[in-house]
């Protein structure tokens, strides 16, 4: 493949343009990750009920609290045994599907094929969640704590040969952290992070200051290389007259 001088010049322009765009984007990412890390670093860290109650009374602002989130009114259904923070019941039907696909013989000939296959498809589902939770000795309405419970597979019960119910559950107690703030002597903006710890959260925030811009530039330069490679792959006939 012949590389023309104007293609080299134009690819250099692409490179410079991408770097020029990337610098402010990278700086913006760095500012955001730095501000986020500073917020986490400056937050009050607590892991016992007495301190958790104290930060509300004194309106300390941002906080990170570590402990167990417990369903005070755990849920149960007759289908399966036990009590849980959350239950998801899905009804699935075993159904036949038909799809078409094409193949080539390598000589320009194309054949269309039809394939039949069966799969379990979810038709509908039900969820059951606790309405009241407890964390470090304090009770909250479930809606006041942002948390999407991670439900683990529990059981499958077949009703018919082509109908089954699949159950997933989340345990009554889950360890993690709540990131939030206190204002007007009340807890606010609380978000529970399952499985997280104060130490790991602070460490990840500090690492992100260096890693986020690096990840961005790696991806950005890969995109730049693809753009330049794509440019060279084109015929670029519009450059022909300029080279004569």
Protein backbone atom coordinates (compact mmCIF):
# COMPACT_ATOMS: atom_id res chain seq x y z
CA UNK A 1 0.00 0.00 0.00
CA UNK A 2 1.43 3.36 -1.05
CA UNK A 3 1.44 6.02 1.64
CA UNK A 4 1.24 9.53 0.25
CA UNK A 5 2.74 12.56 1.93
CA UNK A 6 -0.62 14.29 2.21
CA UNK A 7 -2.05 11.23 3.97
CA UNK A 8 0.77 11.47 6.51
CA UNK A 9 0.02 15.17 7.00
CA UNK A 10 -3.71 14.57 7.36
CA UNK A 11 -3.18 11.70 9.84
CA UNK A 12 -0.94 14.02 11.87
CA UNK A 13 -3.79 16.53 11.93
CA UNK A 14 -6.13 13.80 13.21
CA UNK A 15 -3.63 12.88 15.92
CA UNK A 16 -3.20 16.50 17.04
CA UNK A 17 -6.97 17.09 17.02
CA UNK A 18 -7.64 13.99 19.13
CA UNK A 19 -4.94 14.98 21.63
CA UNK A 20 -6.32 18.52 21.71
CA UNK A 21 -9.82 17.18 22.48
CA UNK A 22 -8.49 14.61 24.93
CA UNK A 23 -6.59 17.05 27.17
CA UNK A 24 -9.64 19.00 28.46
CA UNK A 25 -11.65 15.78 28.77
CA UNK A 26 -8.83 14.18 30.77
CA UNK A 27 -8.57 17.27 32.98
CA UNK A 28 -12.33 17.13 33.59
CA UNK A 29 -12.13 13.47 34.59
CA UNK A 30 -9.22 14.24 36.91
CA UNK A 31 -11.15 17.09 38.57
CA UNK A 32 -14.20 14.90 39.12
CA UNK A 33 -12.23 11.95 40.54
CA UNK A 34 -10.18 14.28 42.73
CA UNK A 35 -13.30 16.00 44.10
CA UNK A 36 -14.95 12.62 44.72
CA UNK A 37 -11.84 11.32 46.49
CA UNK A 38 -11.64 14.48 48.61
CA UNK A 39 -15.30 14.12 49.60
CA UNK A 40 -14.71 10.53 50.68
CA UNK A 41 -11.49 11.45 52.49
CA UNK A 42 -13.17 14.31 54.37
CA UNK A 43 -16.26 12.26 55.31
CA UNK A 44 -16.62 11.14 58.91
CA UNK A 45 -16.01 7.39 59.22
CA UNK A 46 -18.04 5.42 61.76
CA UNK A 47 -18.62 1.74 62.46
CA UNK A 48 -20.49 1.59 65.77
CA UNK A 49 -24.04 2.56 66.84
CA UNK A 50 -23.01 5.23 69.36
CA UNK A 51 -20.94 7.22 66.86
CA UNK A 52 -23.57 6.75 64.17
CA UNK A 53 -26.20 8.31 66.42
CA UNK A 54 -23.76 11.07 67.45
CA UNK A 55 -23.07 12.28 63.90
CA UNK A 56 -26.79 12.86 63.38
CA UNK A 57 -27.14 14.93 66.53
CA UNK A 58 -24.14 17.08 65.62
CA UNK A 59 -24.82 17.48 61.88
CA UNK A 60 -21.31 16.54 60.80
CA UNK A 61 -22.19 16.53 57.10
CA UNK A 62 -20.84 13.77 54.89
CA UNK A 63 -20.26 10.34 56.42
CA UNK A 64 -19.32 6.77 55.59
CA UNK A 65 -20.72 4.18 57.99
CA UNK A 66 -19.88 0.48 57.96
CA UNK A 67 -22.13 -2.21 59.39
CA UNK A 68 -24.93 -4.67 58.67
CA UNK A 69 -28.11 -3.68 56.90
CA UNK A 70 -30.87 -5.79 58.46
CA UNK A 71 -34.45 -6.33 57.31
CA UNK A 72 -36.62 -5.59 60.36
CA UNK A 73 -39.75 -6.97 58.66
CA UNK A 74 -38.16 -9.77 56.63
CA UNK A 75 -40.31 -11.25 53.90
CA UNK A 76 -41.41 -14.83 53.19
CA UNK A 77 -43.73 -16.58 50.75
CA UNK A 78 -45.40 -20.03 50.98
CA UNK A 79 -43.52 -21.34 47.92
CA UNK A 80 -40.09 -21.52 49.57
CA UNK A 81 -38.77 -21.82 53.11
CA UNK A 82 -37.07 -19.07 55.06
CA UNK A 83 -37.13 -15.32 55.63
CA UNK A 84 -35.28 -12.83 53.45
CA UNK A 85 -34.52 -9.19 52.78
CA UNK A 86 -35.86 -9.58 49.25
CA UNK A 87 -37.43 -12.30 47.10
CA UNK A 88 -37.84 -12.38 43.34
CA UNK A 89 -40.19 -14.96 41.84
CA UNK A 90 -40.15 -15.38 38.05
CA UNK A 91 -42.51 -17.44 35.93
CA UNK A 92 -40.77 -18.99 32.91
CA UNK A 93 -42.23 -20.89 29.95
CA UNK A 94 -40.35 -23.32 27.73
CA UNK A 95 -41.07 -22.06 24.21
CA UNK A 96 -40.03 -22.77 20.66
CA UNK A 97 -38.37 -20.08 18.56
CA UNK A 98 -37.45 -19.88 14.91
CA UNK A 99 -34.59 -17.86 13.52
CA UNK A 100 -32.95 -17.49 10.13
CA UNK A 101 -29.28 -17.10 9.28
CA UNK A 102 -27.18 -16.96 6.13
CA UNK A 103 -24.00 -18.75 5.08
CA UNK A 104 -21.61 -18.11 2.20
CA UNK A 105 -19.86 -20.70 0.02
CA UNK A 106 -16.90 -18.37 -0.49
CA UNK A 107 -17.71 -17.87 -4.17
CA UNK A 108 -20.37 -15.24 -3.82
CA UNK A 109 -23.21 -17.68 -3.21
CA UNK A 110 -25.39 -17.12 -0.16
CA UNK A 111 -27.77 -19.62 1.43
CA UNK A 112 -30.58 -18.84 3.88
CA UNK A 113 -31.25 -21.36 6.64
CA UNK A 114 -33.98 -21.72 9.24
CA UNK A 115 -33.20 -22.97 12.73
CA UNK A 116 -35.61 -24.04 15.46
CA UNK A 117 -34.60 -23.87 19.11
CA UNK A 118 -36.21 -23.97 22.55
CA UNK A 119 -35.53 -21.78 25.58
CA UNK A 120 -36.93 -20.85 28.97
CA UNK A 121 -38.42 -17.35 28.65
CA UNK A 122 -39.52 -15.18 31.55
CA UNK A 123 -43.18 -14.23 31.20
CA UNK A 124 -43.67 -12.23 34.40
CA UNK A 125 -42.18 -11.79 37.84
CA UNK A 126 -43.00 -10.66 41.38
CA UNK A 127 -40.75 -9.02 43.98
CA UNK A 128 -41.15 -8.93 47.74
CA UNK A 129 -39.01 -6.52 49.79
CA UNK A 130 -38.69 -5.50 53.41
CA UNK A 131 -40.27 -2.12 54.20
CA UNK A 132 -38.20 -1.32 57.29
CA UNK A 133 -34.46 -1.75 57.79
CA UNK A 134 -31.98 -1.35 60.61
CA UNK A 135 -28.40 -0.12 60.40
CA UNK A 136 -26.04 0.44 63.35
CA UNK A 137 -28.95 0.51 65.77
CA UNK A 138 -31.10 2.97 63.79
CA UNK A 139 -34.29 2.09 61.94
CA UNK A 140 -35.19 3.51 58.53
CA UNK A 141 -37.91 3.11 55.98
CA UNK A 142 -36.64 1.01 53.10
CA UNK A 143 -37.28 3.88 50.67
CA UNK A 144 -34.90 6.15 52.63
CA UNK A 145 -31.89 3.92 51.87
CA UNK A 146 -30.93 3.54 48.21
CA UNK A 147 -30.08 -0.13 47.77
CA UNK A 148 -30.66 -2.64 45.02
CA UNK A 149 -30.26 -6.00 46.79
CA UNK A 150 -28.19 -8.63 45.04
CA UNK A 151 -30.44 -11.68 44.93
CA UNK A 152 -28.80 -15.10 44.73
CA UNK A 153 -30.37 -18.08 43.04
CA UNK A 154 -32.43 -20.00 45.57
CA UNK A 155 -34.62 -22.64 43.92
CA UNK A 156 -36.54 -23.72 40.81
CA UNK A 157 -39.98 -25.31 41.09
CA UNK A 158 -41.58 -26.89 38.03
CA UNK A 159 -45.34 -26.50 37.77
CA UNK A 160 -45.68 -28.24 34.40
CA UNK A 161 -43.28 -29.70 31.86
CA UNK A 162 -43.15 -26.30 30.16
CA UNK A 163 -43.78 -23.97 33.12
CA UNK A 164 -41.46 -23.31 36.04
CA UNK A 165 -40.88 -20.73 38.77
CA UNK A 166 -37.36 -19.50 39.54
CA UNK A 167 -36.66 -17.93 42.93
CA UNK A 168 -33.83 -15.58 43.88
CA UNK A 169 -33.33 -14.20 47.37
CA UNK A 170 -31.25 -11.68 49.30
CA UNK A 171 -30.29 -12.52 52.91
CA UNK A 172 -31.86 -10.78 55.90
CA UNK A 173 -28.46 -9.35 56.91
CA UNK A 174 -25.93 -7.85 54.51
CA UNK A 175 -22.61 -6.24 55.43
CA UNK A 176 -21.57 -3.06 53.67
CA UNK A 177 -21.31 0.71 53.95
CA UNK A 178 -23.76 3.59 53.78
CA UNK A 179 -22.51 6.80 52.19
CA UNK A 180 -24.67 9.80 53.04
CA UNK A 181 -24.83 13.04 54.94
CA UNK A 182 -26.57 14.60 57.91
CA UNK A 183 -28.59 17.80 57.71
CA UNK A 184 -31.06 19.36 60.15
CA UNK A 185 -30.18 16.54 62.56
CA UNK A 186 -31.43 13.90 60.15
CA UNK A 187 -29.76 11.37 57.86
CA UNK A 188 -30.09 12.14 54.15
CA UNK A 189 -28.98 10.90 50.71
CA UNK A 190 -28.12 7.46 52.06
CA UNK A 191 -26.86 4.85 49.63
CA UNK A 192 -25.93 1.34 50.75
CA UNK A 193 -23.02 -0.43 49.01
CA UNK A 194 -23.19 -4.17 49.57
CA UNK A 195 -19.92 -5.90 50.51
CA UNK A 196 -17.92 -2.66 50.68
CA UNK A 197 -15.75 -1.54 53.60
CA UNK A 198 -14.51 1.88 54.70
CA UNK A 199 -10.88 0.92 54.12
CA UNK A 200 -11.45 -0.39 50.59
CA UNK A 201 -13.68 2.55 49.64
CA UNK A 202 -11.07 5.11 50.72
CA UNK A 203 -8.33 3.14 48.96
CA UNK A 204 -10.27 2.92 45.69
CA UNK A 205 -11.02 6.65 45.79
CA UNK A 206 -7.32 7.45 46.18
CA UNK A 207 -6.33 5.04 43.38
CA UNK A 208 -8.93 6.50 41.01
CA UNK A 209 -7.11 9.87 41.02
CA UNK A 210 -4.23 8.26 39.13
CA UNK A 211 -5.98 5.41 37.34
CA UNK A 212 -8.98 7.22 35.81
CA UNK A 213 -6.95 9.58 33.55
CA UNK A 214 -4.63 6.71 32.56
CA UNK A 215 -7.56 4.49 31.56
CA UNK A 216 -9.07 7.38 29.60
CA UNK A 217 -5.86 8.05 27.65
CA UNK A 218 -5.34 4.36 26.85
CA UNK A 219 -8.86 4.12 25.41
CA UNK A 220 -8.61 7.52 23.72
CA UNK A 221 -5.32 6.67 22.01
CA UNK A 222 -6.72 3.31 20.89
CA UNK A 223 -9.63 5.19 19.30
CA UNK A 224 -7.16 7.60 17.68
CA UNK A 225 -5.15 4.72 16.20
CA UNK A 226 -8.35 3.15 14.83
CA UNK A 227 -9.37 6.46 13.23
CA UNK A 228 -5.98 6.88 11.58
CA UNK A 229 -5.92 3.24 10.45
CA UNK A 230 -9.42 3.66 9.03
CA UNK A 231 -8.32 6.78 7.20
CA UNK A 232 -5.40 4.94 5.58
CA UNK A 233 -7.72 2.05 4.64
CA UNK A 234 -9.82 4.42 2.52
CA UNK A 235 -8.86 5.06 -1.08
CA UNK A 236 -8.60 8.81 -0.41
CA UNK A 237 -9.01 9.63 -4.09
CA UNK A 238 -9.63 13.24 -3.18
CA UNK A 239 -5.88 13.49 -2.50
CA UNK A 240 -4.87 12.30 -5.96
CA UNK A 241 -5.07 15.61 -7.77
CA UNK A 242 -3.13 17.33 -5.03
CA UNK A 243 -0.22 14.95 -5.57
CA UNK A 244 0.05 15.44 -9.31
